[in-house]
Amino acid sequence: MSYLDYAASTPMTKQAIDAYAEVATKLYGNAASLHDAGGQAANAVAWARGVIADKLGVHPDGIIFTGSGTEANILAILSLARTAKRGRHIITSMAEHTSVHAAMNTLEREGFEVTRLPLTAEGIVDLETLKQTIRSDTTLISIQHVNSEIGTIQPIGQIAQIAREHGIYYHTDCVQSFCKLDVGNFAKLADAITISAHKIGGPKGGGAVYFNPYVRVSPVFPGVTHERGLRGGTLDTPSIVAFAVAVENYQYNFIQHWQLREKLISMLPVKQFEVIEGKAAYQLPSIVGICKFGMEGQLVMLKLNEQHIHISTGSACDINSASGTKAILAMGKSISEARQFFRISFGAGTIMNEIVTCGRALQKL
């Protein structure tokens, strides 16, 4: 089997699995309980909170653990929007993760107005267009760091600075970029950042949202007592510790990933395939978005699956969508072009032979 769908999920690392098993076996107390067993679990959670905060370059008090990146996105956006007093206008992009659009749709039903910006031909948000879209009643900007379909990197530092200068809350989805790119240059400017464990070798069902501790946000579910009153439910201590262990051990090899990417692209006949990407400085190399002329991406995926090569047609959260991927549409492509899209993504376990095998399979389609 060749697994080339790392943007959807990664295999858990041995260190994360071992940590999960040890904590589940030994630290089974409720972290909110006041006895010693609860205190031991609470100490483990506090350690994990510190590890993740240190990686983000933020204060540990701002880290709120969630059950996924999806939950973190929805929690962050709804909380910030409902807290803001400035107005009811929100800016996002057309290419955000499904969970972001779900939150935006909810806010629209509550009377908010949402402006969804397109992407340029290079797959990023145009900063001048963003500035021109800001209004006196703009209260929140939510734009992701790395697009999960084509891997383009948004100019988040500049966007965060623009939001700060205008007194607007800013949220960014860093699920695809956490531990791969340096977020320190904008983390302290953001009001909320969302991350996920299973994109970096941690367990599924583990995520987190960072809220700026100086911003008092409104809970989505008022009255809960865990996680500063922002998220209810007993904390999953084994998953949280395994998340932090994955953070400590994760390494993203840019040189290796660029080599794999360039090899794959070199094997694609230019008259049959189009690679959807940005400039090198704005491109995460391990996510390769491709269109196959005259063939739907779903068929490409199925043909490769028959050969035990596992790729995707985009975000796993959009797998039932008939309209194609959001990123392609946001770049001005037609629906028929978007349906020709498929994604190949790799990680620490990917070797060159897998890329060559995949490239040969694509040549034979």
Foldseek 3Di string as FASTA:
>chain_A
DAEFALLQFDAADPLLVVLLVVCVVQLVDFCPDDDPSVVVLVVLLLVLLVLQCVLLVHDSLQKFKFQFLLVQLLLVVVFQQVQFPQAQEEEEALFDDPSNVVSVVVSVVVPHHYDHAFAALQLEGDVVVVLVPDDSRYAEYEYEQARSAQGFGYPQLVVLVSCVVSVHAYEYECAQPRLPDRNNSRSVSHQKYKYGQRSQNADRRIIIMGGRPVDDTDAPDAPADPSPRNDHDGDSSSRSSSSSSSSVPGDFDQVVLQVLQVVLVVLDDPVFKDWRHHPPVGGRSQKIKMFGPPDFQVVLQVLVVVVVHHWFQTHPVCRPPQQARSSCVSNPDHSVRRRRMTMGGDGPPDDNVSSVVSSVSNVVD
